[in-house]
Amino acid sequence: MLGALALPMLSAATASAGPAAVSAASASSCSSAPPLRYEVHAQAVTIRSKASSKSTALGVLYKSHTFSVDKKSGNWLYITDKTTGVKGWVSGTYVNRDVRMRLD
């Protein structure tokens, strides 16, 4: 069958193990992990001096460049580009945030 997803079979003993089977690593809080990174998904995004598309351009980040966000204002993200040291605002329209899932 094409496109089928194969999942491992669980034995009755494994399935009935319940919460006691949860390891200490998976029981840790997601909030204790480092902040999630953002990535440019457009061809490029301009770093600006203010949270406005009419403000002065300070630099450019290209597709797949990752960065962390210091603060937010509406759909604008204040960043520090670690590779160049440039600090400024980028539009959230052109970036994606990494996803972290917690399964318990």
C-alpha atoms as a PDB file:
ATOM      1  CA  MET A   1       0.000   0.000   0.000  1.00  0.00           C
ATOM      2  CA  LEU A   2       1.519   3.349  -1.021  1.00  0.00           C
ATOM      3  CA  GLY A   3       1.596   6.207   1.458  1.00  0.00           C
ATOM      4  CA  ALA A   4       0.714   4.065   4.482  1.00  0.00           C
ATOM      5  CA  LEU A   5       2.207   5.005   7.831  1.00  0.00           C
ATOM      6  CA  ALA A   6       3.709   2.109   9.752  1.00  0.00           C
ATOM      7  CA  LEU A   7       3.403   2.351  13.533  1.00  0.00           C
ATOM      8  CA  PRO A   8       5.011  -0.031  16.016  1.00  0.00           C
ATOM      9  CA  MET A   9       2.697  -2.537  17.668  1.00  0.00           C
ATOM     10  CA  LEU A  10       2.353  -2.282  21.444  1.00  0.00           C
ATOM     11  CA  SER A  11       1.953  -5.367  23.553  1.00  0.00           C
ATOM     12  CA  ALA A  12      -0.782  -5.456  26.174  1.00  0.00           C
ATOM     13  CA  ALA A  13       1.872  -5.261  28.916  1.00  0.00           C
ATOM     14  CA  THR A  14       3.414  -2.103  27.414  1.00  0.00           C
ATOM     15  CA  ALA A  15       0.059  -0.460  26.778  1.00  0.00           C
ATOM     16  CA  SER A  16      -1.123  -1.090  30.344  1.00  0.00           C
ATOM     17  CA  ALA A  17       2.099   0.140  31.953  1.00  0.00           C
ATOM     18  CA  GLY A  18       0.553   3.595  32.397  1.00  0.00           C
ATOM     19  CA  PRO A  19       2.285   6.653  33.879  1.00  0.00           C
ATOM     20  CA  ALA A  20       4.941   4.604  35.677  1.00  0.00           C
ATOM     21  CA  ALA A  21       6.520   3.853  32.278  1.00  0.00           C
ATOM     22  CA  VAL A  22       7.212   7.558  31.625  1.00  0.00           C
ATOM     23  CA  SER A  23      10.929   8.260  31.817  1.00  0.00           C
ATOM     24  CA  ALA A  24      12.397  11.143  33.794  1.00  0.00           C
ATOM     25  CA  ALA A  25      13.632  12.761  30.558  1.00  0.00           C
ATOM     26  CA  SER A  26      10.155  12.941  29.032  1.00  0.00           C
ATOM     27  CA  ALA A  27       8.688  14.189  32.301  1.00  0.00           C
ATOM     28  CA  SER A  28      10.797  17.364  32.238  1.00  0.00           C
ATOM     29  CA  SER A  29       9.117  20.647  31.447  1.00  0.00           C
ATOM     30  CA  CYS A  30       9.275  22.143  27.948  1.00  0.00           C
ATOM     31  CA  SER A  31       9.802  25.526  29.605  1.00  0.00           C
ATOM     32  CA  SER A  32      13.219  24.399  30.848  1.00  0.00           C
ATOM     33  CA  ALA A  33      14.432  23.959  27.243  1.00  0.00           C
ATOM     34  CA  PRO A  34      16.244  26.821  25.433  1.00  0.00           C
ATOM     35  CA  PRO A  35      14.084  29.366  23.557  1.00  0.00           C
ATOM     36  CA  LEU A  36      12.742  28.295  20.188  1.00  0.00           C
ATOM     37  CA  ARG A  37      14.576  29.533  17.108  1.00  0.00           C
ATOM     38  CA  TYR A  38      13.005  31.335  14.165  1.00  0.00           C
ATOM     39  CA  GLU A  39      13.900  30.780  10.503  1.00  0.00           C
ATOM     40  CA  VAL A  40      13.471  32.988   7.425  1.00  0.00           C
ATOM     41  CA  HIS A  41      11.059  31.285   4.998  1.00  0.00           C
ATOM     42  CA  ALA A  42      10.995  34.032   2.321  1.00  0.00           C
ATOM     43  CA  GLN A  43      13.878  34.670  -0.082  1.00  0.00           C
ATOM     44  CA  ALA A  44      15.034  37.428   2.276  1.00  0.00           C
ATOM     45  CA  VAL A  45      13.790  39.639   5.100  1.00  0.00           C
ATOM     46  CA  THR A  46      15.053  43.132   5.946  1.00  0.00           C
ATOM     47  CA  ILE A  47      16.246  44.024   9.432  1.00  0.00           C
ATOM     48  CA  ARG A  48      14.857  47.494  10.233  1.00  0.00           C
ATOM     49  CA  SER A  49      15.611  50.177  12.825  1.00  0.00           C
ATOM     50  CA  LYS A  50      11.962  50.349  13.980  1.00  0.00           C
ATOM     51  CA  ALA A  51       8.945  48.036  13.802  1.00  0.00           C
ATOM     52  CA  SER A  52       7.800  49.578  10.511  1.00  0.00           C
ATOM     53  CA  SER A  53       8.350  48.760   6.841  1.00  0.00           C
ATOM     54  CA  LYS A  54       9.109  52.461   6.250  1.00  0.00           C
ATOM     55  CA  SER A  55      11.998  52.596   8.746  1.00  0.00           C
ATOM     56  CA  THR A  56      15.697  52.487   7.877  1.00  0.00           C
ATOM     57  CA  ALA A  57      17.055  49.146   6.630  1.00  0.00           C
ATOM     58  CA  LEU A  58      19.970  47.882   8.741  1.00  0.00           C
ATOM     59  CA  GLY A  59      20.624  44.510   7.117  1.00  0.00           C
ATOM     60  CA  VAL A  60      19.163  41.481   5.375  1.00  0.00           C
ATOM     61  CA  LEU A  61      18.610  37.878   6.455  1.00  0.00           C
ATOM     62  CA  TYR A  62      18.314  35.264   3.719  1.00  0.00           C
ATOM     63  CA  LYS A  63      16.203  32.112   3.420  1.00  0.00           C
ATOM     64  CA  SER A  64      16.896  29.405   6.040  1.00  0.00           C
ATOM     65  CA  HIS A  65      18.851  31.793   8.311  1.00  0.00           C
ATOM     66  CA  THR A  66      17.960  31.046  11.940  1.00  0.00           C
ATOM     67  CA  PHE A  67      17.851  33.519  14.808  1.00  0.00           C
ATOM     68  CA  SER A  68      16.368  34.066  18.254  1.00  0.00           C
ATOM     69  CA  VAL A  69      13.925  36.795  19.214  1.00  0.00           C
ATOM     70  CA  ASP A  70      14.541  39.255  22.064  1.00  0.00           C
ATOM     71  CA  LYS A  71      11.039  40.793  22.116  1.00  0.00           C
ATOM     72  CA  LYS A  72       7.882  41.263  20.019  1.00  0.00           C
ATOM     73  CA  SER A  73       5.655  44.172  19.039  1.00  0.00           C
ATOM     74  CA  GLY A  74       2.547  43.096  17.131  1.00  0.00           C
ATOM     75  CA  ASN A  75       3.784  41.107  14.126  1.00  0.00           C
ATOM     76  CA  TRP A  76       7.316  42.540  14.437  1.00  0.00           C
ATOM     77  CA  LEU A  77      10.211  40.701  16.110  1.00  0.00           C
ATOM     78  CA  TYR A  78      13.257  42.409  17.646  1.00  0.00           C
ATOM     79  CA  ILE A  79      16.329  40.282  16.975  1.00  0.00           C
ATOM     80  CA  THR A  80      20.087  40.222  17.310  1.00  0.00           C
ATOM     81  CA  ASP A  81      21.728  38.538  14.329  1.00  0.00           C
ATOM     82  CA  LYS A  82      24.500  36.470  15.938  1.00  0.00           C
ATOM     83  CA  THR A  83      26.551  36.259  12.727  1.00  0.00           C
ATOM     84  CA  THR A  84      26.786  40.028  12.125  1.00  0.00           C
ATOM     85  CA  GLY A  85      25.789  41.535  15.486  1.00  0.00           C
ATOM     86  CA  VAL A  86      23.071  43.641  13.833  1.00  0.00           C
ATOM     87  CA  LYS A  87      20.107  44.379  16.116  1.00  0.00           C
ATOM     88  CA  GLY A  88      16.748  45.402  14.728  1.00  0.00           C
ATOM     89  CA  TRP A  89      13.208  44.507  13.773  1.00  0.00           C
ATOM     90  CA  VAL A  90      11.988  41.937  11.222  1.00  0.00           C
ATOM     91  CA  SER A  91       8.434  41.301  10.082  1.00  0.00           C
ATOM     92  CA  GLY A  92       6.929  38.086  11.441  1.00  0.00           C
ATOM     93  CA  THR A  93       5.234  37.589   8.070  1.00  0.00           C
ATOM     94  CA  TYR A  94       8.450  36.259   6.540  1.00  0.00           C
ATOM     95  CA  VAL A  95       9.664  33.945   9.294  1.00  0.00           C
ATOM     96  CA  ASN A  96       8.570  30.662  10.888  1.00  0.00           C
ATOM     97  CA  ARG A  97       9.103  29.500  14.430  1.00  0.00           C
ATOM     98  CA  ASP A  98      10.476  26.053  15.202  1.00  0.00           C
ATOM     99  CA  VAL A  99       7.942  23.740  16.775  1.00  0.00           C
ATOM    100  CA  ARG A 100       8.423  21.876  20.025  1.00  0.00           C
ATOM    101  CA  MET A 101       5.959  19.175  21.001  1.00  0.00           C
ATOM    102  CA  ARG A 102       5.535  17.500  24.326  1.00  0.00           C
ATOM    103  CA  LEU A 103       3.934  14.077  24.326  1.00  0.00           C
ATOM    104  CA  ASP A 104       2.874  12.770  27.707  1.00  0.00           C
END
